[in-house]
Amino acid sequence: MSSTEVSEQREGRPEEIRAVPVRHPGRWVAAVVVVLVGASIVRAIITNKNFQWHVVGQYLFSSRVLHGVLITLELTILSMVIGILLGVILAVMRQSPNPIVNKASWLYIWFFRGTPLLLQIYFWFNITALFPKIDLGVPFGPAIIHANGNSVIAPLVAALLGLGLNEGAYMAEIVRAGILSVSEGQTEASQSLGLSRLQTMRFIVLPQAMRIILPPTGNETISMLKNTSLVSVIAYTELLYTVQQIYDVNYKTIPLLIVASIWYLAMTSIAYVFQYFIERRYGRGFTRAQHVSMRERWFTFRSRPAT
C-alpha cells in the first residue's frame, strides 16, 4: 500500500474523542467557604486568652486527671463486658420457642431501652431506699446471705449496674440482628447432623454473625466511653467528676472542661483504630470491595475519574 493510500485512509477516519473533565465551580466555592470558616475558628481559639491554654497544659497530665482517665477506662471495659454477656443471653432468649422465655427477654429490653440511662443510674444509686437489707437465698425460701444495702450498692456498683444493664438491652438487639443474618439453612443443616440448639448457636450461628455484630458493638463501646461521664451525678470519681472537683476549687471551669474533652477525644480515637482492625479481621472474605488501609483512608484523596 502506497503512502498516498495510507494518508487517504487516515483523512477518512473520524477524529478521536477528547474527554473534557466536567467543571464543578460549586465544589471550589464550598471548599473556600469551609477553609475560611475553619481558619476563623482556629484563629479565635488561639487568640482568645479566656481559653487559658497554660492552665490546660498544667492539668492535662496531672495525677488526678490521669486517675480519672483510668477509672473511665475501667468503667467502660467492665460495663461493656456485662452488656455483651447479658446481650448474648437476652438475644438467645428472644429466639427461644418458649413464649415465657421469649417474652421475658422482650420485657427486659423494652424497659431498659425505654427509660433514660441517667434515670437508671439515679435509681440504682438510691435502690437502698427500697431494699435497705439485701437477702439472697432460695426463692420463696430461707435467705442464706444477709447484707446491708448501703455497703453493697456502693457508687461503683451503682455505676456498673446502670451502665451494664442498660447496655445489655442494646447489645441484645445487635446480637439478635446478627443471628437473624445467618440463613436458616445453616441451622437446619446443623440440626440434621445431631447438634443441639445451644451447640448450633455456639459453633455455627454466632461465629458467622460476628461480622454483623462487631461494627455496631464498636460503636456501642465508643458511646459507653462517653456515657461513663453520666456517673458523675452520683459522685463517682471518673474523668468528668475529677475535673469538676478541681474547678470547684480553682474556678478554672473552661480550661478543665477542655482537658476532659481532649482526653475523651484521645480515647475515642484509639477506639476507632481498634474498631477498624477488628472489622477488617472479621470482614475478610465477605466484603465486596477491596480493603482500604488506614493510611489510605486518612491521607489519600481519591477523586472521581473524569468522563
Protein backbone atom coordinates (compact mmCIF):
# COMPACT_ATOMS: atom_id res chain seq x y z
CA MET A 1 0.00 0.00 0.00
CA SER A 2 1.45 3.36 -1.00
CA SER A 3 1.85 6.32 1.31
CA THR A 4 -0.84 8.20 -0.64
CA GLU A 5 -3.44 5.48 0.08
CA VAL A 6 -2.49 5.43 3.77
CA SER A 7 -2.92 9.17 4.05
CA GLU A 8 -6.31 8.98 2.31
CA GLN A 9 -7.47 6.34 4.80
CA ARG A 10 -6.34 8.48 7.73
CA GLU A 11 -8.17 11.51 6.33
CA GLY A 12 -11.36 9.43 6.10
CA ARG A 13 -11.25 8.32 9.79
CA PRO A 14 -13.25 10.35 12.31
CA GLU A 15 -11.36 12.44 14.82
CA GLU A 16 -10.57 10.91 18.21
CA ILE A 17 -12.91 11.93 21.02
CA ARG A 18 -11.24 14.08 23.64
CA ALA A 19 -12.72 13.71 27.10
CA VAL A 20 -13.08 17.08 28.81
CA PRO A 21 -13.48 16.99 32.60
CA VAL A 22 -16.72 18.48 33.88
CA ARG A 23 -16.14 21.69 35.78
CA HIS A 24 -17.51 21.93 39.31
CA PRO A 25 -17.18 25.54 40.45
CA GLY A 26 -19.57 24.93 43.33
CA ARG A 27 -17.12 22.48 44.91
CA TRP A 28 -14.36 25.08 44.89
CA VAL A 29 -16.65 27.74 46.35
CA ALA A 30 -17.72 25.33 49.13
CA ALA A 31 -14.08 24.43 49.82
CA VAL A 32 -13.10 28.10 50.10
CA VAL A 33 -16.00 28.79 52.48
CA VAL A 34 -15.08 25.80 54.66
CA VAL A 35 -11.41 26.85 54.78
CA LEU A 36 -12.32 30.43 55.73
CA VAL A 37 -14.72 29.31 58.46
CA GLY A 38 -12.19 26.80 59.80
CA ALA A 39 -9.41 29.38 59.80
CA SER A 40 -11.65 31.83 61.67
CA ILE A 41 -12.45 29.25 64.33
CA VAL A 42 -8.78 28.28 64.76
CA ARG A 43 -7.78 31.95 64.99
CA ALA A 44 -10.46 32.62 67.62
CA ILE A 45 -9.32 29.62 69.68
CA ILE A 46 -5.66 30.59 69.54
CA THR A 47 -6.03 34.32 70.14
CA ASN A 48 -8.75 34.20 72.82
CA LYS A 49 -6.94 34.43 76.17
CA ASN A 50 -10.01 33.19 78.05
CA PHE A 51 -9.21 29.64 76.92
CA GLN A 52 -6.15 29.78 79.23
CA TRP A 53 -4.13 27.16 77.37
CA HIS A 54 -1.39 27.33 80.00
CA VAL A 55 -3.90 26.01 82.55
CA VAL A 56 -4.88 23.24 80.12
CA GLY A 57 -1.24 22.22 79.83
CA GLN A 58 -0.81 22.36 83.58
CA TYR A 59 -3.63 19.88 84.31
CA LEU A 60 -3.61 17.73 81.16
CA PHE A 61 -1.24 15.14 82.63
CA SER A 62 -1.80 15.77 86.33
CA SER A 63 -2.06 12.72 88.55
CA ARG A 64 -5.69 13.36 89.47
CA VAL A 65 -6.78 13.68 85.85
CA LEU A 66 -4.85 10.56 84.85
CA HIS A 67 -6.52 8.67 87.67
CA GLY A 68 -9.89 9.82 86.35
CA VAL A 69 -8.92 8.57 82.88
CA LEU A 70 -8.08 5.13 84.29
CA ILE A 71 -11.39 4.99 86.16
CA THR A 72 -13.23 5.92 82.94
CA LEU A 73 -11.48 3.10 81.04
CA GLU A 74 -12.23 0.68 83.87
CA LEU A 75 -15.92 1.58 83.83
CA THR A 76 -16.06 1.28 80.06
CA ILE A 77 -14.48 -2.18 79.94
CA LEU A 78 -16.45 -3.66 82.85
CA SER A 79 -19.76 -2.20 81.66
CA MET A 80 -19.23 -3.49 78.13
CA VAL A 81 -18.35 -6.97 79.41
CA ILE A 82 -21.58 -7.01 81.42
CA GLY A 83 -23.55 -5.62 78.49
CA ILE A 84 -22.15 -8.06 75.92
CA LEU A 85 -22.66 -11.15 78.09
CA LEU A 86 -26.15 -10.05 79.03
CA GLY A 87 -26.93 -9.11 75.43
CA VAL A 88 -25.96 -12.55 74.11
CA ILE A 89 -28.14 -14.25 76.75
CA LEU A 90 -31.11 -11.99 76.02
CA ALA A 91 -30.73 -12.42 72.25
CA VAL A 92 -30.74 -16.21 72.58
CA MET A 93 -33.79 -15.94 74.85
CA ARG A 94 -35.56 -13.83 72.21
CA GLN A 95 -35.03 -16.63 69.69
CA SER A 96 -36.37 -19.27 72.07
CA PRO A 97 -39.60 -21.06 71.05
CA ASN A 98 -40.65 -20.93 74.72
CA PRO A 99 -43.09 -17.99 74.94
CA ILE A 100 -42.32 -17.26 78.60
CA VAL A 101 -38.56 -17.01 77.98
CA ASN A 102 -39.15 -15.03 74.80
CA LYS A 103 -41.49 -12.50 76.42
CA ALA A 104 -39.27 -12.10 79.49
CA SER A 105 -36.39 -11.07 77.23
CA TRP A 106 -38.65 -8.68 75.29
CA LEU A 107 -39.89 -7.11 78.53
CA TYR A 108 -36.35 -6.51 79.77
CA ILE A 109 -35.30 -4.88 76.50
CA TRP A 110 -38.47 -2.79 76.39
CA PHE A 111 -37.94 -1.43 79.91
CA PHE A 112 -34.23 -0.61 79.74
CA ARG A 113 -34.40 0.89 76.26
CA GLY A 114 -37.50 2.90 77.16
CA THR A 115 -36.10 4.71 80.20
CA PRO A 116 -33.21 7.23 80.24
CA LEU A 117 -29.80 5.98 81.25
CA LEU A 118 -29.35 8.87 83.69
CA LEU A 119 -32.58 7.92 85.44
CA GLN A 120 -31.42 4.30 85.73
CA ILE A 121 -28.12 5.38 87.31
CA TYR A 122 -30.01 7.51 89.82
CA PHE A 123 -32.37 4.61 90.54
CA TRP A 124 -29.61 2.10 91.28
CA PHE A 125 -27.76 4.61 93.43
CA ASN A 126 -30.91 5.09 95.56
CA ILE A 127 -32.08 1.46 95.49
CA THR A 128 -31.35 1.11 99.20
CA ALA A 129 -34.43 3.25 99.88
CA LEU A 130 -36.43 0.25 98.64
CA PHE A 131 -34.15 -2.51 99.90
CA PRO A 132 -32.17 -1.38 102.96
CA LYS A 133 -31.26 -5.01 103.52
CA ILE A 134 -30.37 -7.42 100.73
CA ASP A 135 -31.16 -11.09 101.35
CA LEU A 136 -30.06 -13.80 98.92
CA GLY A 137 -31.17 -17.40 99.11
CA VAL A 138 -33.71 -19.90 97.81
CA PRO A 139 -36.68 -18.18 96.06
CA PHE A 140 -39.67 -18.17 98.42
CA GLY A 141 -37.45 -19.94 100.93
CA PRO A 142 -34.94 -19.07 103.64
CA ALA A 143 -32.29 -16.42 102.98
CA ILE A 144 -28.68 -17.57 103.07
CA ILE A 145 -26.83 -14.29 102.66
CA HIS A 146 -27.75 -11.11 104.53
CA ALA A 147 -26.11 -7.80 103.64
CA ASN A 148 -26.56 -4.11 104.26
CA GLY A 149 -27.82 -2.36 101.13
CA ASN A 150 -25.64 0.72 101.60
CA SER A 151 -22.46 -1.35 101.81
CA VAL A 152 -23.35 -3.49 98.78
CA ILE A 153 -24.64 -0.77 96.44
CA ALA A 154 -21.55 1.44 96.51
CA PRO A 155 -21.14 4.14 93.81
CA LEU A 156 -19.05 1.75 91.68
CA VAL A 157 -21.69 -0.99 91.87
CA ALA A 158 -24.47 1.51 91.09
CA ALA A 159 -22.49 2.81 88.10
CA LEU A 160 -21.87 -0.70 86.75
CA LEU A 161 -25.49 -1.70 87.24
CA GLY A 162 -26.75 1.41 85.50
CA LEU A 163 -24.33 1.25 82.56
CA GLY A 164 -24.09 -2.54 82.18
CA LEU A 165 -27.77 -3.44 82.44
CA ASN A 166 -28.73 -0.65 80.07
CA GLU A 167 -26.08 -1.72 77.57
CA GLY A 168 -27.32 -5.30 77.75
CA ALA A 169 -30.66 -4.24 76.26
CA TYR A 170 -28.99 -2.58 73.26
CA MET A 171 -26.49 -5.39 72.76
CA ALA A 172 -29.36 -7.88 72.76
CA GLU A 173 -30.84 -6.22 69.68
CA ILE A 174 -27.44 -6.07 67.99
CA VAL A 175 -26.74 -9.76 68.64
CA ARG A 176 -30.26 -10.69 67.54
CA ALA A 177 -29.74 -8.84 64.25
CA GLY A 178 -26.52 -10.79 63.75
CA ILE A 179 -28.24 -14.08 64.48
CA LEU A 180 -31.04 -13.31 62.03
CA SER A 181 -28.48 -12.50 59.31
CA VAL A 182 -27.38 -16.17 59.24
CA SER A 183 -29.56 -18.19 56.91
CA GLU A 184 -31.92 -20.75 58.41
CA GLY A 185 -30.35 -23.41 56.21
CA GLN A 186 -27.27 -23.31 58.44
CA THR A 187 -29.41 -24.13 61.48
CA GLU A 188 -31.30 -26.88 59.69
CA ALA A 189 -28.06 -28.45 58.45
CA SER A 190 -26.52 -28.43 61.94
CA GLN A 191 -29.63 -29.97 63.46
CA SER A 192 -29.59 -32.69 60.83
CA LEU A 193 -26.07 -33.51 62.00
CA GLY A 194 -27.35 -34.03 65.53
CA LEU A 195 -26.23 -30.74 67.13
CA SER A 196 -28.40 -29.36 69.88
CA ARG A 197 -29.87 -25.86 69.76
CA LEU A 198 -27.19 -24.44 72.05
CA GLN A 199 -24.39 -26.17 70.13
CA THR A 200 -25.79 -24.80 66.88
CA MET A 201 -25.89 -21.31 68.33
CA ARG A 202 -22.38 -21.55 69.77
CA PHE A 203 -20.49 -23.25 66.95
CA ILE A 204 -22.46 -22.36 63.82
CA VAL A 205 -24.59 -19.23 64.15
CA LEU A 206 -22.67 -16.88 66.45
CA PRO A 207 -19.27 -17.21 64.68
CA GLN A 208 -20.91 -16.27 61.37
CA ALA A 209 -22.92 -13.48 62.96
CA MET A 210 -19.77 -11.78 64.30
CA ARG A 211 -19.22 -9.75 61.13
CA ILE A 212 -22.67 -8.19 61.66
CA ILE A 213 -22.33 -7.84 65.42
CA LEU A 214 -18.86 -6.29 65.67
CA PRO A 215 -19.29 -2.93 63.85
CA PRO A 216 -22.22 -1.73 66.00
CA THR A 217 -20.52 -3.22 69.07
CA GLY A 218 -17.54 -0.96 68.38
CA ASN A 219 -19.88 1.99 68.16
CA GLU A 220 -21.53 0.98 71.42
CA THR A 221 -18.12 0.79 73.10
CA ILE A 222 -17.30 4.32 71.98
CA SER A 223 -20.70 5.51 73.19
CA MET A 224 -20.15 3.73 76.50
CA LEU A 225 -16.82 5.50 76.94
CA LYS A 226 -18.64 8.82 76.72
CA ASN A 227 -21.66 7.68 78.73
CA THR A 228 -19.43 6.97 81.71
CA SER A 229 -19.46 10.73 82.29
CA LEU A 230 -23.07 10.37 83.48
CA VAL A 231 -21.95 8.63 86.67
CA SER A 232 -20.55 11.97 87.82
CA VAL A 233 -24.07 12.67 89.10
CA ILE A 234 -23.57 10.02 91.81
CA ALA A 235 -20.17 11.48 92.77
CA TYR A 236 -18.09 8.65 91.33
CA THR A 237 -14.63 9.95 90.51
CA GLU A 238 -14.31 9.24 86.79
CA LEU A 239 -12.79 11.80 84.42
CA LEU A 240 -15.58 14.38 84.34
CA TYR A 241 -16.22 14.34 88.08
CA THR A 242 -12.48 14.66 88.69
CA VAL A 243 -12.19 17.86 86.66
CA GLN A 244 -15.37 19.14 88.32
CA GLN A 245 -13.74 18.68 91.71
CA ILE A 246 -10.70 20.62 90.52
CA TYR A 247 -12.54 23.60 89.01
CA ASP A 248 -14.84 23.81 92.03
CA VAL A 249 -11.70 24.83 93.93
CA ASN A 250 -9.73 26.96 91.43
CA TYR A 251 -12.71 28.21 89.32
CA LYS A 252 -10.88 27.37 86.07
CA THR A 253 -14.02 25.81 84.56
CA ILE A 254 -13.40 26.18 80.82
CA PRO A 255 -9.74 25.05 80.80
CA LEU A 256 -10.54 21.94 82.82
CA LEU A 257 -13.52 21.08 80.63
CA ILE A 258 -11.11 21.36 77.69
CA VAL A 259 -8.78 18.93 79.47
CA ALA A 260 -11.62 16.42 79.80
CA SER A 261 -12.60 16.93 76.16
CA ILE A 262 -9.03 16.27 74.98
CA TRP A 263 -8.86 13.02 76.90
CA TYR A 264 -12.26 11.84 75.66
CA LEU A 265 -11.21 12.62 72.08
CA ALA A 266 -7.93 10.75 72.56
CA MET A 267 -9.63 7.66 73.99
CA THR A 268 -12.35 7.54 71.34
CA SER A 269 -9.77 8.00 68.57
CA ILE A 270 -7.83 4.98 69.83
CA ALA A 271 -11.10 3.04 69.99
CA TYR A 272 -11.78 3.95 66.34
CA VAL A 273 -8.44 2.43 65.33
CA PHE A 274 -9.13 -0.81 67.22
CA GLN A 275 -12.61 -0.98 65.71
CA TYR A 276 -11.19 -0.61 62.19
CA PHE A 277 -8.75 -3.51 62.56
CA ILE A 278 -11.32 -5.76 64.25
CA GLU A 279 -13.84 -5.12 61.47
CA ARG A 280 -11.15 -5.80 58.89
CA ARG A 281 -10.24 -9.06 60.62
CA TYR A 282 -13.79 -10.43 60.76
CA GLY A 283 -14.82 -8.98 57.40
CA ARG A 284 -12.32 -11.00 55.38
CA GLY A 285 -13.97 -12.92 52.59
CA PHE A 286 -17.27 -11.05 52.96
CA THR A 287 -16.64 -7.51 51.75
CA ARG A 288 -17.27 -6.81 48.09
CA ALA A 289 -14.71 -4.04 47.74
CA GLN A 290 -11.01 -4.35 48.41
CA HIS A 291 -9.96 -3.23 51.88
CA VAL A 292 -8.58 0.26 52.11
CA SER A 293 -5.72 0.63 54.55
CA MET A 294 -5.92 3.04 57.48
CA ARG A 295 -3.24 5.21 55.89
CA GLU A 296 -5.16 5.47 52.61
CA ARG A 297 -8.39 6.14 54.46
CA TRP A 298 -6.91 9.12 56.31
CA PHE A 299 -4.38 10.61 53.90
CA THR A 300 -5.42 9.71 50.33
CA PHE A 301 -7.78 11.87 48.33
CA ARG A 302 -9.48 9.68 45.76
CA SER A 303 -11.10 11.82 43.08
CA ARG A 304 -13.75 10.60 40.66
CA PRO A 305 -12.34 9.95 37.16
CA ALA A 306 -13.30 12.43 34.51
CA THR A 307 -15.90 11.33 31.95
